[in-house]
C-alpha atoms as a PDB file:
ATOM      1  CA  UNK A   1      57.480 124.443 104.341  1.00  0.00           C
ATOM      2  CA  UNK A   2      59.533 125.543 107.553  1.00  0.00           C
ATOM      3  CA  UNK A   3      57.432 128.413 108.038  1.00  0.00           C
ATOM      4  CA  UNK A   4      54.088 126.547 107.707  1.00  0.00           C
ATOM      5  CA  UNK A   5      54.963 123.792 109.769  1.00  0.00           C
ATOM      6  CA  UNK A   6      56.139 126.123 112.646  1.00  0.00           C
ATOM      7  CA  UNK A   7      53.001 128.026 112.226  1.00  0.00           C
ATOM      8  CA  UNK A   8      50.884 124.891 112.546  1.00  0.00           C
ATOM      9  CA  UNK A   9      52.606 123.868 115.720  1.00  0.00           C
ATOM     10  CA  UNK A  10      52.558 127.361 117.284  1.00  0.00           C
ATOM     11  CA  UNK A  11      48.607 127.149 116.589  1.00  0.00           C
ATOM     12  CA  UNK A  12      47.942 123.915 118.006  1.00  0.00           C
ATOM     13  CA  UNK A  13      50.245 124.876 121.247  1.00  0.00           C
ATOM     14  CA  UNK A  14      48.283 128.175 121.698  1.00  0.00           C
ATOM     15  CA  UNK A  15      44.961 126.105 121.704  1.00  0.00           C
ATOM     16  CA  UNK A  16      46.350 123.374 124.244  1.00  0.00           C
ATOM     17  CA  UNK A  17      47.826 126.272 126.303  1.00  0.00           C
ATOM     18  CA  UNK A  18      44.447 128.247 126.338  1.00  0.00           C
ATOM     19  CA  UNK A  19      42.481 124.652 127.322  1.00  0.00           C
ATOM     20  CA  UNK A  20      44.859 124.037 130.410  1.00  0.00           C
ATOM     21  CA  UNK A  21      45.340 127.815 131.162  1.00  0.00           C
ATOM     22  CA  UNK A  22      48.236 128.071 131.158  1.00  0.00           C
ATOM     23  CA  UNK A  23      76.600 102.852 117.008  1.00  0.00           C
ATOM     24  CA  UNK A  24      81.068 100.969 118.376  1.00  0.00           C
ATOM     25  CA  UNK A  25      81.339  97.088 118.879  1.00  0.00           C
ATOM     26  CA  UNK A  26      84.064  96.158 121.261  1.00  0.00           C
ATOM     27  CA  UNK A  27      86.160  93.102 120.862  1.00  0.00           C
ATOM     28  CA  UNK A  28      88.949  91.598 123.194  1.00  0.00           C
ATOM     29  CA  UNK A  29      92.287  91.118 121.427  1.00  0.00           C
ATOM     30  CA  UNK A  30      95.126  89.106 122.598  1.00  0.00           C
ATOM     31  CA  UNK A  31      98.466  90.818 121.966  1.00  0.00           C
ATOM     32  CA  UNK A  32     102.124  89.531 122.244  1.00  0.00           C
ATOM     33  CA  UNK A  33     104.920  91.697 123.478  1.00  0.00           C
ATOM     34  CA  UNK A  34     106.757  93.498 120.690  1.00  0.00           C
ATOM     35  CA  UNK A  35     110.487  94.447 121.065  1.00  0.00           C
ATOM     36  CA  UNK A  36     111.156  98.119 120.555  1.00  0.00           C
ATOM     37  CA  UNK A  37     113.626  97.378 117.711  1.00  0.00           C
ATOM     38  CA  UNK A  38     110.764  95.150 115.842  1.00  0.00           C
ATOM     39  CA  UNK A  39     108.324  97.933 116.233  1.00  0.00           C
ATOM     40  CA  UNK A  40     110.701 100.396 114.939  1.00  0.00           C
ATOM     41  CA  UNK A  41     111.535  98.230 111.905  1.00  0.00           C
ATOM     42  CA  UNK A  42     107.753  97.867 111.325  1.00  0.00           C
ATOM     43  CA  UNK A  43     107.152 101.444 111.337  1.00  0.00           C
ATOM     44  CA  UNK A  44     110.264 102.415 109.067  1.00  0.00           C
ATOM     45  CA  UNK A  45     108.817  99.809 106.725  1.00  0.00           C
ATOM     46  CA  UNK A  46     105.326 101.014 106.593  1.00  0.00           C
ATOM     47  CA  UNK A  47     104.475 102.964 103.305  1.00  0.00           C
ATOM     48  CA  UNK A  48     103.407 106.641 103.829  1.00  0.00           C
ATOM     49  CA  UNK A  49      99.457 107.381 103.347  1.00  0.00           C
ATOM     50  CA  UNK A  50      98.976 110.014 101.119  1.00  0.00           C
ATOM     51  CA  UNK A  51      96.698 112.527 102.284  1.00  0.00           C
ATOM     52  CA  UNK A  52      93.237 112.547 100.699  1.00  0.00           C
ATOM     53  CA  UNK A  53      92.577 115.456  98.686  1.00  0.00           C
ATOM     54  CA  UNK A  54      89.709 117.518  99.287  1.00  0.00           C
ATOM     55  CA  UNK A  55      86.774 117.584  96.539  1.00  0.00           C
ATOM     56  CA  UNK A  56      86.589 119.999  94.116  1.00  0.00           C
ATOM     57  CA  UNK A  57      83.116 120.864  93.870  1.00  0.00           C
ATOM     58  CA  UNK A  58      80.610 124.325  93.588  1.00  0.00           C
ATOM     59  CA  UNK A  59      78.215 123.888  96.114  1.00  0.00           C
ATOM     60  CA  UNK A  60      76.413 126.131  98.794  1.00  0.00           C
ATOM     61  CA  UNK A  61      78.165 125.955 102.278  1.00  0.00           C
ATOM     62  CA  UNK A  62      75.800 125.247 105.350  1.00  0.00           C
ATOM     63  CA  UNK A  63      78.118 125.914 108.222  1.00  0.00           C
ATOM     64  CA  UNK A  64      76.914 125.305 111.987  1.00  0.00           C
ATOM     65  CA  UNK A  65      76.289 128.253 114.115  1.00  0.00           C
ATOM     66  CA  UNK A  66      79.578 130.135 115.107  1.00  0.00           C
ATOM     67  CA  UNK A  67      78.129 131.664 118.255  1.00  0.00           C
ATOM     68  CA  UNK A  68      75.949 130.832 121.120  1.00  0.00           C
ATOM     69  CA  UNK A  69      72.763 131.928 121.820  1.00  0.00           C
ATOM     70  CA  UNK A  70      72.440 134.948 124.104  1.00  0.00           C
ATOM     71  CA  UNK A  71      69.275 133.992 125.663  1.00  0.00           C
ATOM     72  CA  UNK A  72      70.401 133.124 129.322  1.00  0.00           C
ATOM     73  CA  UNK A  73      66.888 131.103 129.783  1.00  0.00           C
ATOM     74  CA  UNK A  74      67.656 128.983 126.507  1.00  0.00           C
ATOM     75  CA  UNK A  75      71.118 128.464 127.589  1.00  0.00           C
ATOM     76  CA  UNK A  76      70.020 127.110 130.880  1.00  0.00           C
ATOM     77  CA  UNK A  77      67.507 124.944 129.313  1.00  0.00           C
ATOM     78  CA  UNK A  78      69.641 123.472 126.861  1.00  0.00           C
ATOM     79  CA  UNK A  79      72.229 122.691 129.546  1.00  0.00           C
ATOM     80  CA  UNK A  80      69.310 120.876 131.447  1.00  0.00           C
ATOM     81  CA  UNK A  81      68.403 118.757 128.354  1.00  0.00           C
ATOM     82  CA  UNK A  82      72.001 117.793 127.916  1.00  0.00           C
ATOM     83  CA  UNK A  83      72.201 116.832 131.511  1.00  0.00           C
ATOM     84  CA  UNK A  84      68.864 114.424 131.232  1.00  0.00           C
ATOM     85  CA  UNK A  85      70.269 113.067 127.911  1.00  0.00           C
ATOM     86  CA  UNK A  86      73.700 112.325 129.472  1.00  0.00           C
ATOM     87  CA  UNK A  87      71.998 110.605 132.450  1.00  0.00           C
ATOM     88  CA  UNK A  88      69.198 109.037 130.642  1.00  0.00           C
ATOM     89  CA  UNK A  89      66.883 110.552 133.144  1.00  0.00           C
ATOM     90  CA  UNK A  90      63.435 110.097 131.775  1.00  0.00           C
ATOM     91  CA  UNK A  91      61.723 112.228 134.449  1.00  0.00           C
ATOM     92  CA  UNK A  92      63.911 114.894 133.891  1.00  0.00           C
ATOM     93  CA  UNK A  93      63.312 114.926 130.337  1.00  0.00           C
ATOM     94  CA  UNK A  94      59.457 114.716 130.799  1.00  0.00           C
ATOM     95  CA  UNK A  95      59.933 117.964 132.961  1.00  0.00           C
ATOM     96  CA  UNK A  96      61.646 119.592 130.064  1.00  0.00           C
ATOM     97  CA  UNK A  97      59.016 118.687 127.346  1.00  0.00           C
ATOM     98  CA  UNK A  98      55.612 120.266 126.726  1.00  0.00           C
ATOM     99  CA  UNK A  99      52.847 118.106 128.149  1.00  0.00           C
ATOM    100  CA  UNK A 100      51.362 118.261 124.418  1.00  0.00           C
ATOM    101  CA  UNK A 101      54.726 117.706 122.640  1.00  0.00           C
ATOM    102  CA  UNK A 102      54.122 116.780 119.087  1.00  0.00           C
ATOM    103  CA  UNK A 103      55.514 113.556 117.702  1.00  0.00           C
ATOM    104  CA  UNK A 104      53.922 113.702 114.134  1.00  0.00           C
ATOM    105  CA  UNK A 105      51.845 116.341 112.010  1.00  0.00           C
ATOM    106  CA  UNK A 106      48.429 115.274 113.302  1.00  0.00           C
ATOM    107  CA  UNK A 107      46.572 116.931 116.173  1.00  0.00           C
ATOM    108  CA  UNK A 108      47.596 114.186 118.488  1.00  0.00           C
ATOM    109  CA  UNK A 109      50.312 114.270 120.800  1.00  0.00           C
ATOM    110  CA  UNK A 110      51.406 114.387 124.585  1.00  0.00           C
ATOM    111  CA  UNK A 111      54.101 112.788 126.851  1.00  0.00           C
ATOM    112  CA  UNK A 112      52.123 109.176 126.754  1.00  0.00           C
ATOM    113  CA  UNK A 113      52.399 109.198 122.778  1.00  0.00           C
ATOM    114  CA  UNK A 114      55.938 110.192 123.033  1.00  0.00           C
ATOM    115  CA  UNK A 115      56.938 107.528 125.518  1.00  0.00           C
ATOM    116  CA  UNK A 116      54.753 105.045 123.701  1.00  0.00           C
ATOM    117  CA  UNK A 117      56.946 105.772 120.786  1.00  0.00           C
ATOM    118  CA  UNK A 118      60.424 106.535 122.326  1.00  0.00           C
ATOM    119  CA  UNK A 119      60.358 104.457 125.531  1.00  0.00           C
ATOM    120  CA  UNK A 120      62.665 106.965 127.370  1.00  0.00           C
ATOM    121  CA  UNK A 121      62.716 104.681 130.593  1.00  0.00           C
ATOM    122  CA  UNK A 122      64.715 102.204 128.421  1.00  0.00           C
ATOM    123  CA  UNK A 123      68.453 102.832 129.024  1.00  0.00           C
ATOM    124  CA  UNK A 124      68.978 101.857 125.187  1.00  0.00           C
ATOM    125  CA  UNK A 125      66.286 103.959 123.787  1.00  0.00           C
ATOM    126  CA  UNK A 126      67.330 105.520 120.633  1.00  0.00           C
ATOM    127  CA  UNK A 127      65.728 108.680 121.828  1.00  0.00           C
ATOM    128  CA  UNK A 128      69.012 109.294 123.722  1.00  0.00           C
ATOM    129  CA  UNK A 129      71.247 108.988 120.872  1.00  0.00           C
ATOM    130  CA  UNK A 130      69.228 111.172 118.697  1.00  0.00           C
ATOM    131  CA  UNK A 131      68.915 114.042 121.231  1.00  0.00           C
ATOM    132  CA  UNK A 132      72.566 113.834 121.825  1.00  0.00           C
ATOM    133  CA  UNK A 133      73.259 114.022 118.128  1.00  0.00           C
ATOM    134  CA  UNK A 134      71.245 117.056 117.667  1.00  0.00           C
ATOM    135  CA  UNK A 135      72.404 118.980 120.801  1.00  0.00           C
ATOM    136  CA  UNK A 136      76.047 118.173 119.423  1.00  0.00           C
ATOM    137  CA  UNK A 137      75.228 119.856 116.026  1.00  0.00           C
ATOM    138  CA  UNK A 138      73.775 122.956 117.602  1.00  0.00           C
ATOM    139  CA  UNK A 139      70.672 125.056 116.230  1.00  0.00           C
ATOM    140  CA  UNK A 140      68.983 128.123 115.443  1.00  0.00           C
ATOM    141  CA  UNK A 141      66.205 130.300 115.199  1.00  0.00           C
ATOM    142  CA  UNK A 142      64.151 128.958 112.035  1.00  0.00           C
ATOM    143  CA  UNK A 143      61.670 132.246 111.901  1.00  0.00           C
ATOM    144  CA  UNK A 144      63.267 135.470 110.762  1.00  0.00           C
ATOM    145  CA  UNK A 145      62.710 138.263 113.810  1.00  0.00           C
ATOM    146  CA  UNK A 146      61.450 135.498 116.203  1.00  0.00           C
ATOM    147  CA  UNK A 147      63.610 134.670 119.443  1.00  0.00           C
ATOM    148  CA  UNK A 148      60.790 132.615 120.932  1.00  0.00           C
ATOM    149  CA  UNK A 149      61.302 129.555 118.622  1.00  0.00           C
ATOM    150  CA  UNK A 150      64.336 127.623 118.561  1.00  0.00           C
ATOM    151  CA  UNK A 151      65.299 124.319 116.854  1.00  0.00           C
ATOM    152  CA  UNK A 152      67.941 121.893 116.428  1.00  0.00           C
ATOM    153  CA  UNK A 153      69.653 121.021 114.356  1.00  0.00           C
ATOM    154  CA  UNK A 154      70.776 124.071 112.402  1.00  0.00           C
ATOM    155  CA  UNK A 155      70.475 122.049 109.261  1.00  0.00           C
ATOM    156  CA  UNK A 156      66.698 122.452 109.785  1.00  0.00           C
ATOM    157  CA  UNK A 157      66.667 125.730 111.405  1.00  0.00           C
ATOM    158  CA  UNK A 158      69.154 127.395 108.936  1.00  0.00           C
ATOM    159  CA  UNK A 159      68.251 125.810 105.687  1.00  0.00           C
ATOM    160  CA  UNK A 160      67.660 128.109 102.749  1.00  0.00           C
ATOM    161  CA  UNK A 161      64.281 128.207 101.277  1.00  0.00           C
ATOM    162  CA  UNK A 162      65.983 128.418  97.740  1.00  0.00           C
ATOM    163  CA  UNK A 163      67.192 124.734  97.921  1.00  0.00           C
ATOM    164  CA  UNK A 164      64.892 121.877  97.804  1.00  0.00           C
ATOM    165  CA  UNK A 165      64.937 120.280 101.444  1.00  0.00           C
ATOM    166  CA  UNK A 166      63.645 116.988  99.985  1.00  0.00           C
ATOM    167  CA  UNK A 167      66.275 116.678  97.192  1.00  0.00           C
ATOM    168  CA  UNK A 168      69.219 117.609  99.113  1.00  0.00           C
ATOM    169  CA  UNK A 169      71.331 116.845 102.478  1.00  0.00           C
ATOM    170  CA  UNK A 170      74.080 118.624 104.207  1.00  0.00           C
ATOM    171  CA  UNK A 171      77.527 117.372 104.844  1.00  0.00           C
ATOM    172  CA  UNK A 172      77.873 117.910 108.762  1.00  0.00           C
ATOM    173  CA  UNK A 173      81.650 117.197 109.058  1.00  0.00           C
ATOM    174  CA  UNK A 174      84.890 118.707 107.744  1.00  0.00           C
ATOM    175  CA  UNK A 175      86.701 116.074 105.963  1.00  0.00           C
ATOM    176  CA  UNK A 176      83.640 113.416 105.396  1.00  0.00           C
ATOM    177  CA  UNK A 177      84.962 110.744 103.022  1.00  0.00           C
ATOM    178  CA  UNK A 178      83.106 110.580  99.671  1.00  0.00           C
ATOM    179  CA  UNK A 179      83.431 106.652  98.576  1.00  0.00           C
ATOM    180  CA  UNK A 180      82.953 105.020  95.237  1.00  0.00           C
ATOM    181  CA  UNK A 181      80.720 102.262  96.635  1.00  0.00           C
ATOM    182  CA  UNK A 182      78.280 102.042  99.682  1.00  0.00           C
ATOM    183  CA  UNK A 183      80.901 100.095 101.747  1.00  0.00           C
ATOM    184  CA  UNK A 184      83.256 101.475 104.390  1.00  0.00           C
ATOM    185  CA  UNK A 185      86.521  99.777 102.782  1.00  0.00           C
ATOM    186  CA  UNK A 186      85.419 101.252  99.220  1.00  0.00           C
ATOM    187  CA  UNK A 187      87.928 103.447  97.284  1.00  0.00           C
ATOM    188  CA  UNK A 188      87.860 107.057  98.563  1.00  0.00           C
ATOM    189  CA  UNK A 189      86.852 109.694  95.855  1.00  0.00           C
ATOM    190  CA  UNK A 190      88.001 112.579  97.904  1.00  0.00           C
ATOM    191  CA  UNK A 191      87.044 114.599 101.236  1.00  0.00           C
ATOM    192  CA  UNK A 192      84.171 116.834 101.481  1.00  0.00           C
ATOM    193  CA  UNK A 193      83.465 119.930 103.834  1.00  0.00           C
ATOM    194  CA  UNK A 194      80.274 121.107 105.019  1.00  0.00           C
ATOM    195  CA  UNK A 195      77.998 121.773 101.963  1.00  0.00           C
ATOM    196  CA  UNK A 196      74.653 120.961 100.393  1.00  0.00           C
ATOM    197  CA  UNK A 197      74.602 118.329  97.996  1.00  0.00           C
ATOM    198  CA  UNK A 198      71.793 116.693  95.774  1.00  0.00           C
ATOM    199  CA  UNK A 199      70.617 113.292  97.093  1.00  0.00           C
ATOM    200  CA  UNK A 200      69.436 110.264  94.945  1.00  0.00           C
ATOM    201  CA  UNK A 201      67.273 108.102  97.142  1.00  0.00           C
ATOM    202  CA  UNK A 202      66.983 105.358  94.572  1.00  0.00           C
ATOM    203  CA  UNK A 203      70.736 104.746  94.733  1.00  0.00           C
ATOM    204  CA  UNK A 204      71.238 105.312  98.325  1.00  0.00           C
ATOM    205  CA  UNK A 205      71.734 102.002 100.309  1.00  0.00           C
ATOM    206  CA  UNK A 206      69.842  99.746 101.487  1.00  0.00           C
ATOM    207  CA  UNK A 207      67.538 100.468  98.564  1.00  0.00           C
ATOM    208  CA  UNK A 208      64.060 100.377  99.309  1.00  0.00           C
ATOM    209  CA  UNK A 209      64.777 100.986 103.115  1.00  0.00           C
ATOM    210  CA  UNK A 210      63.420 104.240 104.878  1.00  0.00           C
ATOM    211  CA  UNK A 211      66.726 104.521 106.855  1.00  0.00           C
ATOM    212  CA  UNK A 212      69.565 104.741 104.859  1.00  0.00           C
ATOM    213  CA  UNK A 213      73.205 103.749 105.778  1.00  0.00           C
ATOM    214  CA  UNK A 214      74.782 105.171 102.833  1.00  0.00           C
ATOM    215  CA  UNK A 215      73.459 107.956 100.770  1.00  0.00           C
ATOM    216  CA  UNK A 216      74.273 108.662  97.356  1.00  0.00           C
ATOM    217  CA  UNK A 217      75.403 112.513  96.853  1.00  0.00           C
ATOM    218  CA  UNK A 218      76.105 114.342  93.731  1.00  0.00           C
ATOM    219  CA  UNK A 219      77.157 117.861  92.871  1.00  0.00           C
ATOM    220  CA  UNK A 220      74.509 119.979  90.877  1.00  0.00           C
ATOM    221  CA  UNK A 221      76.230 119.419  87.625  1.00  0.00           C
ATOM    222  CA  UNK A 222      76.603 115.442  88.638  1.00  0.00           C
ATOM    223  CA  UNK A 223      80.358 115.642  87.759  1.00  0.00           C
ATOM    224  CA  UNK A 224      81.066 114.746  91.286  1.00  0.00           C
ATOM    225  CA  UNK A 225      79.190 111.949  93.028  1.00  0.00           C
ATOM    226  CA  UNK A 226      79.625 108.906  95.338  1.00  0.00           C
ATOM    227  CA  UNK A 227      78.550 107.618  98.908  1.00  0.00           C
ATOM    228  CA  UNK A 228      78.400 109.314 102.137  1.00  0.00           C
ATOM    229  CA  UNK A 229      77.977 107.333 105.394  1.00  0.00           C
ATOM    230  CA  UNK A 230      74.877 108.445 107.528  1.00  0.00           C
ATOM    231  CA  UNK A 231      77.000 109.891 110.084  1.00  0.00           C
ATOM    232  CA  UNK A 232      78.415 112.266 108.050  1.00  0.00           C
ATOM    233  CA  UNK A 233      75.171 113.824 106.495  1.00  0.00           C
ATOM    234  CA  UNK A 234      71.711 115.355 107.709  1.00  0.00           C
ATOM    235  CA  UNK A 235      68.691 115.892 105.940  1.00  0.00           C
ATOM    236  CA  UNK A 236      66.571 118.916 106.647  1.00  0.00           C
ATOM    237  CA  UNK A 237      63.502 117.109 106.865  1.00  0.00           C
ATOM    238  CA  UNK A 238      65.095 114.525 109.011  1.00  0.00           C
ATOM    239  CA  UNK A 239      64.549 114.664 112.961  1.00  0.00           C
ATOM    240  CA  UNK A 240      64.531 117.803 114.466  1.00  0.00           C
ATOM    241  CA  UNK A 241      63.247 119.188 117.788  1.00  0.00           C
ATOM    242  CA  UNK A 242      61.302 122.427 118.056  1.00  0.00           C
ATOM    243  CA  UNK A 243      61.409 124.504 121.370  1.00  0.00           C
ATOM    244  CA  UNK A 244      59.167 127.303 122.395  1.00  0.00           C
ATOM    245  CA  UNK A 245      59.096 129.801 125.130  1.00  0.00           C
ATOM    246  CA  UNK A 246      55.601 129.673 126.946  1.00  0.00           C
ATOM    247  CA  UNK A 247      53.831 132.393 128.495  1.00  0.00           C
ATOM    248  CA  UNK A 248      55.765 132.172 131.749  1.00  0.00           C
ATOM    249  CA  UNK A 249      58.893 132.481 129.829  1.00  0.00           C
ATOM    250  CA  UNK A 250      60.192 128.988 130.129  1.00  0.00           C
ATOM    251  CA  UNK A 251      61.526 126.972 127.557  1.00  0.00           C
ATOM    252  CA  UNK A 252      59.993 123.632 126.462  1.00  0.00           C
ATOM    253  CA  UNK A 253      60.634 120.944 123.745  1.00  0.00           C
ATOM    254  CA  UNK A 254      57.181 121.193 121.808  1.00  0.00           C
ATOM    255  CA  UNK A 255      58.032 118.800 118.861  1.00  0.00           C
ATOM    256  CA  UNK A 256      60.405 116.023 118.108  1.00  0.00           C
ATOM    257  CA  UNK A 257      59.326 115.194 114.443  1.00  0.00           C
ATOM    258  CA  UNK A 258      60.756 113.971 111.170  1.00  0.00           C
ATOM    259  CA  UNK A 259      59.469 114.571 107.629  1.00  0.00           C
ATOM    260  CA  UNK A 260      57.025 117.137 106.636  1.00  0.00           C
END
């Protein structure tokens, strides 16, 4: 899947180059002064919360990259992209993307289509949160022995071909809390680390919605199962950004897509 998609993107980009030549809600809380004695009494009376045990599960690990890329040009580019995201600078973002950037799997693309979908001129645009999330996760080279194609996040670039990308998700945090039900105050089952787990779209919540708030996951033997919040997982077929080095040796974002 990965190789076929990237090959398609590369063909489309090569054709284009030849033609051109080249989520916390804040609340106001009113408090009353508390004496030091009262505070100490309250702390002493509070029951100790037992630590949550780690999940005992046999599942393959998918860890984020432990080393940074050595490509100085790519390092500089990613720093510029991060700056554009932090300042929500639509003009700078446009300069960093390929003029024919892909937003889907057809032959159409370009900045106008990208801007029409994401509205980067709006400070509340979801594209800034998305790109920030992808940058924080880090990425890698999705094609073996090819250092001219880079992708964010690592969940996509480092996903093993032996595991069905449509039927699994990756836990992206250490100590992600697996819960019995898809609500934040549901009893906790245990804490998960960065593993790949099977996902049940039918049981994920909200049911029938394309965007899930809670993902129902389980181990391969179904002995362990429960719900993880969307902030704790990422799908290898979820949103990813693809970057290519052009003929001049400059990096550009050539696609921001989801699905397959």
